[in-house]
N, C-alpha and C. Protein backbone atom coordinates (compact mmCIF):
# COMPACT_ATOMS: atom_id res chain seq x y z
N MET A 1 -12.45 22.23 -17.99
CA MET A 1 -11.19 21.68 -17.48
C MET A 1 -11.28 21.50 -15.97
N THR A 2 -10.92 20.32 -15.51
CA THR A 2 -10.83 20.05 -14.07
C THR A 2 -9.38 19.72 -13.74
N VAL A 3 -8.87 20.32 -12.67
CA VAL A 3 -7.53 19.99 -12.19
C VAL A 3 -7.68 19.23 -10.88
N PHE A 4 -7.09 18.04 -10.84
CA PHE A 4 -7.08 17.23 -9.62
C PHE A 4 -5.71 17.32 -8.97
N HIS A 5 -5.69 17.73 -7.72
CA HIS A 5 -4.47 17.69 -6.92
C HIS A 5 -4.56 16.45 -6.05
N LEU A 6 -3.71 15.46 -6.35
CA LEU A 6 -3.74 14.18 -5.64
C LEU A 6 -2.72 14.25 -4.50
N LEU A 7 -3.22 14.25 -3.28
CA LEU A 7 -2.38 14.44 -2.09
C LEU A 7 -2.27 13.13 -1.33
N ARG A 8 -1.04 12.65 -1.17
CA ARG A 8 -0.83 11.49 -0.31
C ARG A 8 -0.81 11.95 1.14
N HIS A 9 -1.37 11.15 2.01
CA HIS A 9 -1.40 11.46 3.44
C HIS A 9 0.01 11.69 3.98
N GLY A 10 0.09 12.31 5.13
CA GLY A 10 1.37 12.55 5.78
C GLY A 10 1.91 11.31 6.48
N GLU A 11 3.08 11.46 7.08
CA GLU A 11 3.75 10.36 7.77
C GLU A 11 2.88 9.78 8.87
N HIS A 12 2.90 8.44 8.99
CA HIS A 12 2.23 7.78 10.11
C HIS A 12 3.24 6.92 10.86
N GLY A 13 2.83 6.42 12.01
CA GLY A 13 3.76 5.76 12.92
C GLY A 13 4.27 4.40 12.47
N LEU A 14 3.61 3.76 11.54
CA LEU A 14 4.04 2.42 11.08
C LEU A 14 4.87 2.47 9.81
N LEU A 15 5.11 3.66 9.32
CA LEU A 15 5.76 3.85 8.02
C LEU A 15 7.09 3.10 7.94
N GLY A 16 7.23 2.30 6.88
CA GLY A 16 8.48 1.61 6.61
C GLY A 16 8.68 0.33 7.41
N ARG A 17 7.82 0.07 8.41
CA ARG A 17 7.98 -1.12 9.25
C ARG A 17 6.88 -2.14 9.05
N THR A 18 5.66 -1.64 8.96
CA THR A 18 4.48 -2.50 8.88
C THR A 18 3.61 -2.08 7.72
N LEU A 19 3.04 -3.06 7.00
CA LEU A 19 2.14 -2.75 5.91
C LEU A 19 0.78 -2.43 6.53
N ALA A 20 0.50 -1.14 6.66
CA ALA A 20 -0.71 -0.71 7.37
C ALA A 20 -1.97 -1.05 6.61
N GLY A 21 -1.93 -0.92 5.26
CA GLY A 21 -3.11 -1.22 4.47
C GLY A 21 -4.34 -0.49 4.99
N ARG A 22 -5.40 -1.26 5.24
CA ARG A 22 -6.64 -0.67 5.73
C ARG A 22 -6.82 -0.83 7.24
N MET A 23 -5.72 -1.06 7.96
CA MET A 23 -5.81 -1.20 9.41
C MET A 23 -6.43 0.05 10.03
N PRO A 24 -7.32 -0.13 11.00
CA PRO A 24 -7.86 1.04 11.71
C PRO A 24 -6.82 1.59 12.69
N GLY A 25 -7.01 2.83 13.09
CA GLY A 25 -6.19 3.41 14.15
C GLY A 25 -4.79 3.80 13.76
N VAL A 26 -4.53 3.97 12.46
CA VAL A 26 -3.19 4.39 12.01
C VAL A 26 -3.27 5.88 11.67
N GLY A 27 -2.84 6.71 12.62
CA GLY A 27 -2.95 8.15 12.45
C GLY A 27 -1.63 8.81 12.12
N LEU A 28 -1.68 10.10 11.88
CA LEU A 28 -0.49 10.87 11.53
C LEU A 28 0.41 11.09 12.74
N THR A 29 1.71 11.15 12.48
CA THR A 29 2.66 11.61 13.48
C THR A 29 2.63 13.15 13.50
N GLU A 30 3.32 13.74 14.46
CA GLU A 30 3.41 15.21 14.48
C GLU A 30 4.11 15.72 13.22
N LYS A 31 5.12 14.99 12.78
CA LYS A 31 5.78 15.37 11.53
C LYS A 31 4.79 15.31 10.36
N GLY A 32 3.99 14.26 10.34
CA GLY A 32 3.00 14.11 9.28
C GLY A 32 1.99 15.25 9.27
N ARG A 33 1.57 15.68 10.44
CA ARG A 33 0.61 16.79 10.53
C ARG A 33 1.25 18.09 10.03
N ALA A 34 2.52 18.29 10.38
CA ALA A 34 3.22 19.50 9.93
C ALA A 34 3.41 19.47 8.41
N GLU A 35 3.71 18.30 7.86
CA GLU A 35 3.86 18.16 6.40
C GLU A 35 2.57 18.56 5.69
N ILE A 36 1.46 18.06 6.19
CA ILE A 36 0.17 18.34 5.54
C ILE A 36 -0.21 19.80 5.72
N ALA A 37 0.12 20.38 6.87
CA ALA A 37 -0.17 21.81 7.07
C ALA A 37 0.56 22.66 6.04
N ALA A 38 1.79 22.27 5.69
CA ALA A 38 2.55 23.01 4.68
C ALA A 38 1.88 22.88 3.31
N VAL A 39 1.38 21.68 3.00
CA VAL A 39 0.68 21.47 1.73
C VAL A 39 -0.61 22.29 1.69
N ALA A 40 -1.33 22.30 2.82
CA ALA A 40 -2.58 23.06 2.88
C ALA A 40 -2.33 24.53 2.61
N GLU A 41 -1.22 25.05 3.11
CA GLU A 41 -0.87 26.45 2.86
C GLU A 41 -0.60 26.67 1.38
N ARG A 42 0.08 25.73 0.75
CA ARG A 42 0.34 25.81 -0.69
C ARG A 42 -0.97 25.77 -1.49
N LEU A 43 -1.90 24.93 -1.07
CA LEU A 43 -3.17 24.78 -1.78
C LEU A 43 -4.09 25.99 -1.61
N ALA A 44 -3.83 26.79 -0.59
CA ALA A 44 -4.66 27.97 -0.35
C ALA A 44 -4.62 28.94 -1.52
N ALA A 45 -3.58 28.87 -2.34
CA ALA A 45 -3.45 29.76 -3.50
C ALA A 45 -4.11 29.20 -4.76
N GLU A 46 -4.72 28.01 -4.67
CA GLU A 46 -5.20 27.31 -5.86
C GLU A 46 -6.71 27.42 -6.09
N ASN A 47 -7.42 28.17 -5.29
CA ASN A 47 -8.87 28.30 -5.47
C ASN A 47 -9.55 26.93 -5.56
N ILE A 48 -9.37 26.13 -4.53
CA ILE A 48 -9.90 24.78 -4.50
C ILE A 48 -11.41 24.80 -4.26
N ALA A 49 -12.13 24.06 -5.10
CA ALA A 49 -13.60 24.05 -5.01
C ALA A 49 -14.15 22.90 -4.18
N ALA A 50 -13.40 21.79 -4.11
CA ALA A 50 -13.93 20.62 -3.42
C ALA A 50 -12.78 19.75 -2.91
N LEU A 51 -13.09 19.01 -1.85
CA LEU A 51 -12.10 18.16 -1.19
C LEU A 51 -12.71 16.78 -0.96
N TYR A 52 -12.04 15.76 -1.51
CA TYR A 52 -12.47 14.37 -1.35
C TYR A 52 -11.36 13.60 -0.66
N SER A 53 -11.73 12.53 0.06
CA SER A 53 -10.71 11.79 0.80
C SER A 53 -11.10 10.33 0.98
N SER A 54 -10.07 9.50 1.04
CA SER A 54 -10.21 8.15 1.56
C SER A 54 -10.67 8.25 3.02
N PRO A 55 -11.47 7.30 3.50
CA PRO A 55 -11.98 7.40 4.87
C PRO A 55 -11.04 6.88 5.95
N LEU A 56 -9.87 6.32 5.61
CA LEU A 56 -8.98 5.80 6.64
C LEU A 56 -8.44 6.92 7.52
N GLN A 57 -8.03 6.58 8.73
CA GLN A 57 -7.67 7.61 9.71
C GLN A 57 -6.57 8.55 9.21
N ARG A 58 -5.51 8.00 8.63
CA ARG A 58 -4.39 8.87 8.23
C ARG A 58 -4.77 9.82 7.10
N THR A 59 -5.66 9.38 6.20
CA THR A 59 -6.12 10.28 5.15
C THR A 59 -7.18 11.24 5.68
N ARG A 60 -8.02 10.74 6.58
CA ARG A 60 -9.03 11.61 7.17
C ARG A 60 -8.38 12.77 7.94
N GLU A 61 -7.36 12.44 8.75
CA GLU A 61 -6.66 13.49 9.49
C GLU A 61 -5.98 14.47 8.54
N SER A 62 -5.40 13.96 7.46
CA SER A 62 -4.76 14.84 6.47
C SER A 62 -5.80 15.76 5.84
N ALA A 63 -6.94 15.19 5.45
CA ALA A 63 -8.00 15.99 4.82
C ALA A 63 -8.55 17.03 5.79
N GLU A 64 -8.65 16.70 7.06
CA GLU A 64 -9.17 17.65 8.04
C GLU A 64 -8.27 18.87 8.17
N ILE A 65 -6.96 18.66 8.07
CA ILE A 65 -6.02 19.79 8.13
C ILE A 65 -6.21 20.69 6.91
N VAL A 66 -6.34 20.07 5.73
CA VAL A 66 -6.56 20.84 4.51
C VAL A 66 -7.90 21.56 4.56
N ALA A 67 -8.93 20.86 5.02
CA ALA A 67 -10.28 21.45 5.09
C ALA A 67 -10.31 22.66 6.01
N ALA A 68 -9.62 22.57 7.14
CA ALA A 68 -9.61 23.68 8.08
C ALA A 68 -8.93 24.91 7.48
N ARG A 69 -7.85 24.69 6.72
CA ARG A 69 -7.14 25.82 6.12
C ARG A 69 -7.92 26.44 4.97
N LEU A 70 -8.62 25.59 4.18
CA LEU A 70 -9.29 26.08 2.98
C LEU A 70 -10.77 26.41 3.20
N GLY A 71 -11.29 26.07 4.37
CA GLY A 71 -12.70 26.35 4.64
C GLY A 71 -13.64 25.49 3.82
N LEU A 72 -13.27 24.23 3.65
CA LEU A 72 -14.07 23.31 2.84
C LEU A 72 -14.59 22.16 3.69
N SER A 73 -15.68 21.55 3.24
CA SER A 73 -16.12 20.30 3.83
C SER A 73 -15.41 19.15 3.10
N ILE A 74 -15.46 17.97 3.71
CA ILE A 74 -14.79 16.79 3.13
C ILE A 74 -15.84 15.77 2.70
N ALA A 75 -15.71 15.29 1.48
CA ALA A 75 -16.54 14.17 1.02
C ALA A 75 -15.67 12.91 1.05
N PHE A 76 -16.02 11.97 1.92
CA PHE A 76 -15.26 10.73 2.04
C PHE A 76 -15.78 9.71 1.04
N ARG A 77 -14.86 9.09 0.31
CA ARG A 77 -15.25 8.12 -0.72
C ARG A 77 -14.37 6.88 -0.65
N ASP A 78 -15.02 5.72 -0.68
CA ASP A 78 -14.28 4.47 -0.67
C ASP A 78 -13.48 4.24 -1.94
N ASP A 79 -13.83 4.96 -3.02
CA ASP A 79 -13.07 4.83 -4.28
C ASP A 79 -11.58 5.14 -4.07
N PHE A 80 -11.29 6.00 -3.08
CA PHE A 80 -9.93 6.47 -2.87
C PHE A 80 -9.23 5.79 -1.69
N ILE A 81 -9.86 4.72 -1.15
CA ILE A 81 -9.28 4.01 -0.01
C ILE A 81 -8.02 3.25 -0.44
N GLU A 82 -7.20 2.94 0.52
CA GLU A 82 -5.98 2.17 0.29
C GLU A 82 -6.32 0.82 -0.35
N LEU A 83 -5.34 0.24 -1.04
CA LEU A 83 -5.50 -1.12 -1.55
C LEU A 83 -5.90 -2.05 -0.41
N ASP A 84 -6.68 -3.06 -0.74
CA ASP A 84 -6.95 -4.13 0.22
C ASP A 84 -5.78 -5.10 0.14
N PHE A 85 -4.92 -5.09 1.16
CA PHE A 85 -3.73 -5.93 1.16
C PHE A 85 -3.98 -7.32 1.72
N GLY A 86 -5.22 -7.67 1.95
CA GLY A 86 -5.58 -9.03 2.31
C GLY A 86 -4.74 -9.61 3.43
N GLU A 87 -4.13 -10.78 3.16
CA GLU A 87 -3.36 -11.50 4.17
C GLU A 87 -2.16 -10.71 4.69
N TRP A 88 -1.67 -9.79 3.90
CA TRP A 88 -0.47 -9.05 4.29
C TRP A 88 -0.76 -7.86 5.21
N THR A 89 -2.00 -7.50 5.38
CA THR A 89 -2.35 -6.35 6.21
C THR A 89 -1.84 -6.54 7.64
N GLY A 90 -1.08 -5.58 8.12
CA GLY A 90 -0.57 -5.62 9.49
C GLY A 90 0.72 -6.39 9.66
N ALA A 91 1.22 -7.02 8.60
CA ALA A 91 2.47 -7.77 8.70
C ALA A 91 3.66 -6.83 8.53
N THR A 92 4.80 -7.21 9.08
CA THR A 92 6.00 -6.40 8.89
C THR A 92 6.51 -6.61 7.47
N PHE A 93 7.20 -5.60 6.96
CA PHE A 93 7.76 -5.74 5.62
C PHE A 93 8.83 -6.83 5.58
N ASP A 94 9.56 -7.02 6.68
CA ASP A 94 10.56 -8.09 6.72
C ASP A 94 9.90 -9.45 6.53
N ALA A 95 8.73 -9.64 7.15
CA ALA A 95 8.02 -10.92 7.03
C ALA A 95 7.44 -11.08 5.63
N ILE A 96 6.87 -10.02 5.09
CA ILE A 96 6.23 -10.12 3.77
C ILE A 96 7.25 -10.43 2.69
N ARG A 97 8.43 -9.89 2.81
CA ARG A 97 9.45 -10.10 1.77
C ARG A 97 9.89 -11.56 1.66
N THR A 98 9.59 -12.37 2.65
CA THR A 98 9.92 -13.80 2.57
C THR A 98 8.84 -14.58 1.83
N ASP A 99 7.71 -13.96 1.55
CA ASP A 99 6.62 -14.61 0.83
C ASP A 99 6.90 -14.51 -0.66
N PRO A 100 7.02 -15.64 -1.38
CA PRO A 100 7.35 -15.57 -2.82
C PRO A 100 6.30 -14.80 -3.63
N ARG A 101 5.08 -14.71 -3.11
CA ARG A 101 4.05 -13.97 -3.82
C ARG A 101 4.32 -12.46 -3.79
N TRP A 102 5.10 -11.99 -2.83
CA TRP A 102 5.43 -10.57 -2.74
C TRP A 102 6.30 -10.14 -3.92
N GLN A 103 7.24 -10.99 -4.30
CA GLN A 103 8.11 -10.66 -5.44
C GLN A 103 7.28 -10.50 -6.71
N ALA A 104 6.33 -11.40 -6.91
CA ALA A 104 5.45 -11.29 -8.09
C ALA A 104 4.65 -10.00 -8.04
N TRP A 105 4.12 -9.66 -6.86
CA TRP A 105 3.34 -8.43 -6.71
C TRP A 105 4.21 -7.21 -6.97
N SER A 106 5.44 -7.25 -6.50
CA SER A 106 6.32 -6.09 -6.64
C SER A 106 6.77 -5.84 -8.07
N THR A 107 6.86 -6.90 -8.87
CA THR A 107 7.43 -6.74 -10.21
C THR A 107 6.41 -6.86 -11.34
N ARG A 108 5.25 -7.47 -11.06
CA ARG A 108 4.27 -7.67 -12.12
C ARG A 108 2.88 -7.24 -11.65
N ARG A 109 2.73 -5.96 -11.37
CA ARG A 109 1.47 -5.47 -10.82
C ARG A 109 0.29 -5.67 -11.76
N SER A 110 0.54 -5.73 -13.05
CA SER A 110 -0.57 -5.88 -14.00
C SER A 110 -1.18 -7.27 -13.95
N LEU A 111 -0.43 -8.25 -13.44
CA LEU A 111 -0.88 -9.64 -13.45
C LEU A 111 -1.10 -10.21 -12.06
N ALA A 112 -0.29 -9.79 -11.11
CA ALA A 112 -0.33 -10.40 -9.77
C ALA A 112 -1.53 -9.91 -8.97
N ALA A 113 -1.94 -10.75 -8.04
CA ALA A 113 -3.00 -10.38 -7.11
C ALA A 113 -2.50 -10.55 -5.68
N ILE A 114 -2.97 -9.71 -4.80
CA ILE A 114 -2.63 -9.82 -3.39
C ILE A 114 -3.43 -10.99 -2.81
N PRO A 115 -2.80 -11.89 -2.05
CA PRO A 115 -3.56 -13.00 -1.47
C PRO A 115 -4.68 -12.50 -0.56
N GLY A 116 -5.91 -12.76 -0.97
CA GLY A 116 -7.06 -12.33 -0.20
C GLY A 116 -7.38 -10.85 -0.34
N GLY A 117 -6.74 -10.17 -1.30
CA GLY A 117 -6.93 -8.73 -1.45
C GLY A 117 -7.27 -8.33 -2.87
N GLU A 118 -6.89 -7.11 -3.23
CA GLU A 118 -7.22 -6.53 -4.54
C GLU A 118 -6.09 -6.70 -5.53
N SER A 119 -6.44 -6.58 -6.79
CA SER A 119 -5.43 -6.46 -7.84
C SER A 119 -5.25 -4.98 -8.15
N MET A 120 -4.12 -4.65 -8.75
CA MET A 120 -3.85 -3.26 -9.12
C MET A 120 -4.83 -2.79 -10.20
N ARG A 121 -5.26 -3.71 -11.06
CA ARG A 121 -6.25 -3.34 -12.08
C ARG A 121 -7.57 -2.91 -11.44
N GLN A 122 -7.98 -3.60 -10.39
CA GLN A 122 -9.21 -3.23 -9.69
C GLN A 122 -9.07 -1.84 -9.07
N VAL A 123 -7.91 -1.59 -8.49
CA VAL A 123 -7.67 -0.28 -7.86
C VAL A 123 -7.72 0.82 -8.92
N GLN A 124 -7.00 0.60 -10.03
CA GLN A 124 -6.97 1.61 -11.07
C GLN A 124 -8.36 1.89 -11.63
N GLN A 125 -9.14 0.84 -11.82
CA GLN A 125 -10.49 1.03 -12.36
C GLN A 125 -11.35 1.89 -11.44
N ARG A 126 -11.32 1.60 -10.15
CA ARG A 126 -12.19 2.38 -9.24
C ARG A 126 -11.73 3.83 -9.12
N VAL A 127 -10.42 4.04 -9.14
CA VAL A 127 -9.91 5.40 -9.01
C VAL A 127 -10.21 6.22 -10.26
N VAL A 128 -9.94 5.66 -11.43
CA VAL A 128 -10.17 6.40 -12.67
C VAL A 128 -11.66 6.69 -12.86
N GLU A 129 -12.51 5.73 -12.58
CA GLU A 129 -13.94 5.97 -12.70
C GLU A 129 -14.39 7.08 -11.76
N ALA A 130 -13.85 7.11 -10.55
CA ALA A 130 -14.20 8.17 -9.60
C ALA A 130 -13.74 9.54 -10.09
N LEU A 131 -12.52 9.61 -10.64
CA LEU A 131 -12.01 10.89 -11.15
C LEU A 131 -12.86 11.41 -12.31
N LEU A 132 -13.25 10.51 -13.20
CA LEU A 132 -14.08 10.94 -14.32
C LEU A 132 -15.44 11.45 -13.84
N GLU A 133 -16.02 10.76 -12.87
CA GLU A 133 -17.31 11.20 -12.32
C GLU A 133 -17.18 12.55 -11.63
N ILE A 134 -16.16 12.71 -10.82
CA ILE A 134 -15.96 13.97 -10.10
C ILE A 134 -15.63 15.09 -11.08
N GLY A 135 -14.90 14.77 -12.14
CA GLY A 135 -14.59 15.77 -13.16
C GLY A 135 -15.84 16.33 -13.81
N GLU A 136 -16.83 15.48 -14.03
CA GLU A 136 -18.11 15.95 -14.59
C GLU A 136 -18.81 16.89 -13.62
N ARG A 137 -18.67 16.63 -12.37
CA ARG A 137 -19.34 17.43 -11.35
C ARG A 137 -18.64 18.76 -11.11
N HIS A 138 -17.34 18.79 -11.39
CA HIS A 138 -16.54 20.00 -11.08
C HIS A 138 -15.84 20.51 -12.34
N LEU A 139 -16.59 20.77 -13.38
CA LEU A 139 -16.02 21.32 -14.60
C LEU A 139 -15.41 22.70 -14.30
N ASP A 140 -14.22 22.92 -14.84
CA ASP A 140 -13.53 24.20 -14.68
C ASP A 140 -13.25 24.55 -13.22
N GLU A 141 -13.00 23.53 -12.42
CA GLU A 141 -12.68 23.75 -11.01
C GLU A 141 -11.45 22.95 -10.60
N ASN A 142 -10.88 23.33 -9.47
CA ASN A 142 -9.74 22.63 -8.89
C ASN A 142 -10.23 21.78 -7.71
N VAL A 143 -9.80 20.53 -7.68
CA VAL A 143 -10.27 19.57 -6.69
C VAL A 143 -9.08 18.90 -6.02
N VAL A 144 -9.16 18.69 -4.71
CA VAL A 144 -8.13 17.95 -3.99
C VAL A 144 -8.67 16.57 -3.64
N ILE A 145 -7.85 15.56 -3.89
CA ILE A 145 -8.15 14.18 -3.53
C ILE A 145 -7.08 13.72 -2.56
N VAL A 146 -7.44 13.32 -1.35
CA VAL A 146 -6.48 12.83 -0.37
C VAL A 146 -6.54 11.30 -0.37
N SER A 147 -5.41 10.68 -0.71
CA SER A 147 -5.44 9.23 -0.86
C SER A 147 -4.10 8.62 -0.44
N HIS A 148 -3.75 7.51 -1.06
CA HIS A 148 -2.61 6.67 -0.67
C HIS A 148 -1.66 6.50 -1.85
N GLY A 149 -0.41 6.13 -1.55
CA GLY A 149 0.63 6.10 -2.56
C GLY A 149 0.31 5.27 -3.79
N ASP A 150 -0.04 4.00 -3.60
CA ASP A 150 -0.30 3.15 -4.75
C ASP A 150 -1.57 3.54 -5.49
N VAL A 151 -2.54 4.07 -4.77
CA VAL A 151 -3.78 4.53 -5.41
C VAL A 151 -3.47 5.71 -6.33
N ILE A 152 -2.67 6.64 -5.84
CA ILE A 152 -2.29 7.80 -6.64
C ILE A 152 -1.43 7.36 -7.83
N ARG A 153 -0.50 6.44 -7.60
CA ARG A 153 0.32 5.95 -8.71
C ARG A 153 -0.54 5.31 -9.80
N SER A 154 -1.57 4.58 -9.40
CA SER A 154 -2.41 3.93 -10.41
C SER A 154 -3.11 4.96 -11.29
N ALA A 155 -3.50 6.09 -10.70
CA ALA A 155 -4.11 7.17 -11.49
C ALA A 155 -3.07 7.81 -12.41
N LEU A 156 -1.87 8.00 -11.90
CA LEU A 156 -0.82 8.64 -12.70
C LEU A 156 -0.39 7.78 -13.88
N VAL A 157 -0.21 6.47 -13.66
CA VAL A 157 0.20 5.63 -14.79
C VAL A 157 -0.90 5.57 -15.85
N PHE A 158 -2.17 5.63 -15.42
CA PHE A 158 -3.26 5.70 -16.39
C PHE A 158 -3.16 6.98 -17.21
N ALA A 159 -2.98 8.11 -16.52
CA ALA A 159 -2.92 9.40 -17.20
C ALA A 159 -1.73 9.49 -18.15
N LEU A 160 -0.65 8.83 -17.80
CA LEU A 160 0.57 8.85 -18.63
C LEU A 160 0.55 7.78 -19.72
N GLY A 161 -0.47 6.92 -19.72
CA GLY A 161 -0.53 5.86 -20.71
C GLY A 161 0.53 4.80 -20.50
N MET A 162 0.94 4.61 -19.25
CA MET A 162 1.99 3.65 -18.92
C MET A 162 1.38 2.32 -18.46
N PRO A 163 2.07 1.21 -18.68
CA PRO A 163 1.61 -0.06 -18.13
C PRO A 163 1.65 -0.03 -16.60
N LEU A 164 0.77 -0.78 -15.99
CA LEU A 164 0.76 -0.84 -14.52
C LEU A 164 2.08 -1.34 -13.96
N ASP A 165 2.78 -2.16 -14.72
CA ASP A 165 4.06 -2.68 -14.23
C ASP A 165 5.11 -1.59 -14.05
N PHE A 166 4.87 -0.41 -14.60
CA PHE A 166 5.81 0.71 -14.46
C PHE A 166 5.49 1.59 -13.25
N TYR A 167 4.54 1.17 -12.45
CA TYR A 167 4.10 2.01 -11.33
C TYR A 167 5.28 2.43 -10.44
N GLY A 168 6.24 1.54 -10.26
CA GLY A 168 7.37 1.80 -9.38
C GLY A 168 8.33 2.85 -9.90
N ARG A 169 8.15 3.28 -11.13
CA ARG A 169 9.01 4.33 -11.69
C ARG A 169 8.57 5.73 -11.27
N ILE A 170 7.42 5.80 -10.60
CA ILE A 170 6.89 7.08 -10.16
C ILE A 170 6.98 7.17 -8.65
N GLU A 171 7.64 8.19 -8.15
CA GLU A 171 7.73 8.42 -6.71
C GLU A 171 6.52 9.22 -6.25
N VAL A 172 5.86 8.72 -5.22
CA VAL A 172 4.74 9.44 -4.59
C VAL A 172 5.00 9.39 -3.09
N ALA A 173 5.71 10.37 -2.60
CA ALA A 173 6.12 10.40 -1.19
C ALA A 173 4.98 10.84 -0.28
N GLN A 174 5.15 10.61 1.02
CA GLN A 174 4.17 11.11 1.98
C GLN A 174 4.05 12.62 1.84
N ALA A 175 2.80 13.10 1.92
CA ALA A 175 2.50 14.53 1.88
C ALA A 175 2.94 15.19 0.57
N SER A 176 3.01 14.40 -0.51
CA SER A 176 3.34 14.97 -1.81
C SER A 176 2.08 15.24 -2.60
N LEU A 177 2.20 16.21 -3.52
CA LEU A 177 1.11 16.53 -4.44
C LEU A 177 1.49 16.12 -5.85
N SER A 178 0.56 15.46 -6.52
CA SER A 178 0.68 15.19 -7.96
C SER A 178 -0.60 15.71 -8.59
N SER A 179 -0.49 16.31 -9.77
CA SER A 179 -1.66 16.99 -10.35
C SER A 179 -1.94 16.51 -11.76
N ILE A 180 -3.23 16.33 -12.03
CA ILE A 180 -3.72 15.87 -13.33
C ILE A 180 -4.76 16.86 -13.84
N ARG A 181 -4.69 17.19 -15.11
CA ARG A 181 -5.69 18.05 -15.72
C ARG A 181 -6.54 17.23 -16.69
N LEU A 182 -7.84 17.39 -16.58
CA LEU A 182 -8.78 16.66 -17.42
C LEU A 182 -9.64 17.67 -18.16
N ASP A 183 -9.62 17.61 -19.51
CA ASP A 183 -10.44 18.54 -20.29
C ASP A 183 -10.89 17.87 -21.58
N ALA A 184 -11.49 18.65 -22.47
CA ALA A 184 -12.07 18.09 -23.69
C ALA A 184 -11.02 17.43 -24.58
N SER A 185 -9.77 17.87 -24.46
CA SER A 185 -8.72 17.30 -25.31
C SER A 185 -8.10 16.04 -24.71
N GLY A 186 -8.46 15.73 -23.47
CA GLY A 186 -7.94 14.52 -22.86
C GLY A 186 -7.42 14.74 -21.46
N ILE A 187 -6.39 13.99 -21.11
CA ILE A 187 -5.85 14.02 -19.76
C ILE A 187 -4.36 14.32 -19.82
N ARG A 188 -3.89 15.11 -18.87
CA ARG A 188 -2.48 15.49 -18.85
C ARG A 188 -1.98 15.56 -17.42
N VAL A 189 -0.80 15.01 -17.18
CA VAL A 189 -0.15 15.11 -15.88
C VAL A 189 0.64 16.41 -15.85
N ILE A 190 0.37 17.25 -14.87
CA ILE A 190 1.05 18.55 -14.81
C ILE A 190 2.03 18.67 -13.65
N ALA A 191 2.01 17.71 -12.72
CA ALA A 191 2.99 17.70 -11.63
C ALA A 191 3.03 16.32 -11.01
N ILE A 192 4.22 15.90 -10.56
CA ILE A 192 4.37 14.62 -9.88
C ILE A 192 5.26 14.81 -8.65
N ASN A 193 4.78 14.34 -7.52
CA ASN A 193 5.58 14.25 -6.29
C ASN A 193 6.13 15.61 -5.83
N GLU A 194 5.30 16.63 -5.92
CA GLU A 194 5.71 17.94 -5.41
C GLU A 194 5.72 17.89 -3.88
N ARG A 195 6.84 18.24 -3.29
CA ARG A 195 6.96 18.17 -1.84
C ARG A 195 7.30 19.55 -1.28
N LEU A 196 6.77 19.82 -0.10
CA LEU A 196 6.99 21.09 0.57
C LEU A 196 7.62 20.84 1.93
N ARG A 197 8.51 21.71 2.32
CA ARG A 197 9.16 21.59 3.62
C ARG A 197 8.25 22.15 4.71
N ALA A 198 8.00 21.36 5.73
CA ALA A 198 7.18 21.83 6.84
C ALA A 198 7.97 22.90 7.60
N SER A 199 7.27 23.98 7.98
CA SER A 199 7.97 25.05 8.70
C SER A 199 8.00 24.79 10.19
């Protein structure tokens, strides 16, 4: 049995205003660092064997806080990187909402594609394949994956057997933990959007 704790990065400075996507130089705010420190303290009780992370700055900084608390090294993997938002990367949400393709993306994730970017099916495939591979490597261990909201949602809807179009029914807040258990009997979601108050 492998338990994956899927951790979304903490708050960053562009949150809610700009679609950061894979933009470089988007780091955590002080609030974001405090949020992740609280999660790291919670994870200290879980006997974590390994820590994997998306390589983007906000996830890297989040993983570094967890690694320092747990005494672990970080394995960075592109499988867990943010969606490629193509033409929309770096645009404000106000501007993107005027693009008719955004409505299709927001409501029909199973069919729509981001202009110049990835589809949700591509994201789900890379994430699920990575989890299965890591699960083989860490049998009977607890693993932390630091990633991004939509990436984590894609893993959760797979584990729940839900259509990709239902992704929006799952809340994955900044600095939240969602947990999946993988064993011989299959896959089970054991927690969604667990949040801790920063002290």
